[in-house]
Protein backbone atom coordinates (compact mmCIF):
# COMPACT_ATOMS: atom_id res chain seq x y z
CA UNK A 1 -13.36 -13.64 -17.27
CA UNK A 2 -15.38 -10.79 -18.67
CA UNK A 3 -14.70 -7.23 -19.74
CA UNK A 4 -16.78 -4.54 -18.02
CA UNK A 5 -17.43 -0.90 -18.85
CA UNK A 6 -14.63 1.39 -17.64
CA UNK A 7 -17.04 4.15 -16.70
CA UNK A 8 -19.39 1.89 -14.73
CA UNK A 9 -16.49 0.25 -12.94
CA UNK A 10 -15.07 3.65 -11.95
CA UNK A 11 -18.48 4.74 -10.66
CA UNK A 12 -18.82 1.53 -8.60
CA UNK A 13 -15.29 1.89 -7.22
CA UNK A 14 -15.99 5.51 -6.24
CA UNK A 15 -18.81 4.23 -4.02
CA UNK A 16 -16.14 2.18 -2.20
CA UNK A 17 -13.92 5.27 -1.69
CA UNK A 18 -11.56 4.44 -4.59
CA UNK A 19 -10.97 7.38 -6.92
CA UNK A 20 -9.68 7.31 -10.49
CA UNK A 21 -6.95 9.83 -11.29
CA UNK A 22 -6.11 10.64 -14.90
CA UNK A 23 -2.51 11.81 -15.48
CA UNK A 24 -1.65 13.39 -18.83
CA UNK A 25 -3.77 13.96 -21.93
CA UNK A 26 -4.97 11.94 -24.91
CA UNK A 27 -3.21 8.71 -25.87
CA UNK A 28 -0.42 9.42 -23.38
CA UNK A 29 -2.72 9.61 -20.36
CA UNK A 30 -2.23 7.21 -17.47
CA UNK A 31 -4.93 6.02 -15.06
CA UNK A 32 -4.02 5.52 -11.40
CA UNK A 33 -6.24 5.07 -8.36
CA UNK A 34 -6.23 6.49 -4.85
CA UNK A 35 -8.18 5.60 -1.74
CA UNK A 36 -10.22 8.22 0.08
CA UNK A 37 -9.36 7.39 3.72
CA UNK A 38 -7.50 8.90 6.67
CA UNK A 39 -5.89 5.51 7.41
CA UNK A 40 -4.10 4.95 4.09
CA UNK A 41 -1.01 2.76 4.10
CA UNK A 42 1.24 1.35 1.36
CA UNK A 43 3.26 -1.86 1.11
CA UNK A 44 6.00 -2.08 -1.51
CA UNK A 45 7.10 -5.50 -2.72
CA UNK A 46 10.18 -5.51 -4.99
CA UNK A 47 13.87 -6.36 -5.22
CA UNK A 48 14.42 -2.78 -4.02
CA UNK A 49 11.14 -1.68 -2.40
CA UNK A 50 9.86 1.88 -2.84
CA UNK A 51 11.37 3.88 0.06
CA UNK A 52 8.24 5.97 0.80
CA UNK A 53 6.12 2.89 1.57
CA UNK A 54 4.95 2.12 5.11
CA UNK A 55 5.88 -1.57 4.75
CA UNK A 56 8.61 -3.22 2.68
CA UNK A 57 8.94 -6.78 1.44
CA UNK A 58 11.78 -8.01 -0.75
CA UNK A 59 11.12 -10.25 -3.77
CA UNK A 60 13.94 -10.91 -6.21
CA UNK A 61 12.12 -12.39 -9.23
CA UNK A 62 8.87 -11.89 -11.18
CA UNK A 63 7.86 -15.45 -10.19
CA UNK A 64 8.22 -14.56 -6.51
CA UNK A 65 6.26 -11.32 -7.03
CA UNK A 66 3.42 -13.25 -8.67
CA UNK A 67 3.43 -15.74 -5.77
CA UNK A 68 3.34 -12.88 -3.25
CA UNK A 69 0.50 -11.24 -5.16
CA UNK A 70 -1.50 -14.45 -4.81
CA UNK A 71 -0.62 -14.54 -1.09
CA UNK A 72 -1.78 -10.92 -0.71
CA UNK A 73 -5.12 -11.65 -2.41
CA UNK A 74 -5.69 -14.71 -0.21
CA UNK A 75 -4.63 -12.94 3.00
CA UNK A 76 -6.99 -10.05 2.25
CA UNK A 77 -9.83 -12.48 1.36
CA UNK A 78 -10.22 -10.92 -2.09
CA UNK A 79 -12.31 -13.00 -4.45
CA UNK A 80 -12.90 -11.33 -7.83
CA UNK A 81 -10.29 -8.91 -9.14
CA UNK A 82 -10.70 -6.14 -11.70
CA UNK A 83 -7.60 -5.81 -13.88
CA UNK A 84 -7.26 -2.37 -15.51
CA UNK A 85 -4.31 -1.21 -17.55
CA UNK A 86 -2.74 2.14 -16.67
CA UNK A 87 -2.67 3.01 -20.38
CA UNK A 88 -4.64 1.02 -22.99
CA UNK A 89 -4.97 -2.76 -23.25
CA UNK A 90 -3.06 -2.78 -26.55
CA UNK A 91 0.39 -2.61 -24.93
CA UNK A 92 -0.51 -5.22 -22.32
CA UNK A 93 -2.10 -7.61 -24.82
CA UNK A 94 0.93 -7.46 -27.12
CA UNK A 95 3.14 -8.26 -24.15
CA UNK A 96 1.18 -11.24 -22.78
CA UNK A 97 0.06 -12.83 -26.07
CA UNK A 98 2.88 -15.36 -26.24
CA UNK A 99 2.84 -16.23 -22.51
CA UNK A 100 -0.93 -16.89 -22.49
CA UNK A 101 -1.23 -18.54 -25.93
CA UNK A 102 -1.81 -22.00 -24.40
CA UNK A 103 -3.90 -20.87 -21.40
CA UNK A 104 -7.44 -22.23 -21.92
CA UNK A 105 -9.11 -19.56 -19.80
CA UNK A 106 -7.31 -16.83 -21.75
CA UNK A 107 -8.21 -18.42 -25.11
CA UNK A 108 -11.88 -17.98 -24.22
CA UNK A 109 -11.45 -14.23 -23.70
CA UNK A 110 -8.67 -13.53 -26.24
CA UNK A 111 -10.97 -12.72 -29.18
CA UNK A 112 -13.01 -10.34 -27.04
CA UNK A 113 -9.79 -8.79 -25.69
CA UNK A 114 -8.88 -7.65 -29.19
CA UNK A 115 -12.10 -5.60 -29.24
CA UNK A 116 -10.92 -3.76 -26.09
CA UNK A 117 -7.38 -2.93 -27.30
CA UNK A 118 -7.94 0.82 -27.33
CA UNK A 119 -9.77 0.93 -23.98
CA UNK A 120 -9.12 0.55 -20.28
CA UNK A 121 -12.23 -1.55 -19.76
CA UNK A 122 -11.52 -3.69 -16.69
CA UNK A 123 -11.23 -7.44 -17.00
CA UNK A 124 -13.07 -9.14 -14.15
CA UNK A 125 -11.18 -12.23 -13.01
CA UNK A 126 -13.06 -14.70 -10.78
CA UNK A 127 -11.16 -16.75 -8.16
CA UNK A 128 -11.16 -19.93 -10.26
CA UNK A 129 -9.29 -18.13 -13.08
CA UNK A 130 -6.75 -16.33 -10.90
CA UNK A 131 -3.85 -18.37 -12.29
CA UNK A 132 -4.40 -16.75 -15.70
CA UNK A 133 -4.18 -13.30 -14.11
CA UNK A 134 -1.02 -14.30 -12.24
CA UNK A 135 0.54 -15.54 -15.51
CA UNK A 136 -0.36 -12.17 -17.06
CA UNK A 137 1.25 -10.30 -14.16
CA UNK A 138 4.39 -12.46 -14.36
CA UNK A 139 4.70 -11.81 -18.11
CA UNK A 140 4.33 -8.06 -17.57
CA UNK A 141 6.89 -8.02 -14.76
CA UNK A 142 9.37 -10.00 -16.88
CA UNK A 143 8.88 -8.21 -20.19
CA UNK A 144 7.18 -4.89 -19.42
CA UNK A 145 8.38 -1.75 -21.07
CA UNK A 146 7.71 0.97 -18.54
CA UNK A 147 4.61 2.63 -17.21
CA UNK A 148 2.58 2.00 -20.37
CA UNK A 149 2.30 -1.70 -19.40
CA UNK A 150 1.59 -1.18 -15.68
CA UNK A 151 -1.63 -2.64 -14.27
CA UNK A 152 -4.12 -1.65 -11.58
CA UNK A 153 -5.70 -4.53 -9.66
CA UNK A 154 -8.86 -3.60 -7.81
CA UNK A 155 -11.31 -5.51 -5.65
CA UNK A 156 -14.94 -4.38 -5.78
CA UNK A 157 -16.17 -3.51 -2.30
CA UNK A 158 -12.67 -3.53 -0.75
CA UNK A 159 -10.65 -0.35 -0.17
CA UNK A 160 -7.48 -1.74 -1.76
CA UNK A 161 -5.52 -0.87 -4.90
CA UNK A 162 -2.67 -3.09 -6.07
CA UNK A 163 -0.37 -1.64 -8.68
CA UNK A 164 1.86 -3.82 -10.84
CA UNK A 165 4.64 -1.33 -11.61
CA UNK A 166 7.95 -1.23 -13.41
CA UNK A 167 10.58 -2.20 -12.79
CA UNK A 168 9.13 -5.32 -11.13
CA UNK A 169 7.22 -3.95 -8.15
CA UNK A 170 3.87 -4.49 -6.47
CA UNK A 171 2.42 -1.61 -4.46
CA UNK A 172 -0.46 -2.51 -2.21
CA UNK A 173 -2.50 0.52 -1.10
CA UNK A 174 -5.08 0.03 1.63
CA UNK A 175 -7.57 2.44 3.14
CA UNK A 176 -7.19 0.62 6.46
CA UNK A 177 -3.75 0.61 8.09
CA UNK A 178 -4.74 -2.30 10.37
CA UNK A 179 -5.32 -4.48 7.28
CA UNK A 180 -1.77 -3.82 6.07
CA UNK A 181 -0.41 -4.33 9.61
CA UNK A 182 -1.93 -7.81 9.59
CA UNK A 183 -0.79 -8.48 6.03
CA UNK A 184 2.75 -7.35 6.85
CA UNK A 185 2.90 -9.77 9.79
CA UNK A 186 1.60 -12.66 7.67
CA UNK A 187 4.09 -12.01 4.88
CA UNK A 188 7.03 -11.01 7.07
CA UNK A 189 7.28 -7.44 5.77
CA UNK A 190 9.41 -4.86 7.55
């Protein structure tokens, strides 16, 4: 796992039709992403899925949401994932510190993570370290304290944005409705 430059990542994502959207000012600003496509679709995965989504899938627990996130990444053939906090890393790092204290992959990046506390620099997670990311997501879903600890999960070269939102929801945005149609069938979404 490595931290990348926020600005370079945003520029690279823009080439793949994913746009960064800053909401608010200063320390209170939140970073969300949208996909520039006429075929946008959204899947909501939660105990009570977001009503405006095109597809709905029910998941009762953070463990189940983390499992479904892994299923989504596999079904969409996503290899590396960029993890970007909606706010700054500080809130997320405080939240996951205890859960990831014994994770060897996280221990290797933990010291560097402290240098990125006041940034949104994305953490690139390769496929062989995905379990660490899923443990991070589970910890955030279980213990998160609102929007400030939400995460954006992005896949370079793929028009998809996955939001880890509170309270305990995954929103999968795709620039290709057919991709979400297929995903919905595989996962049994309504």
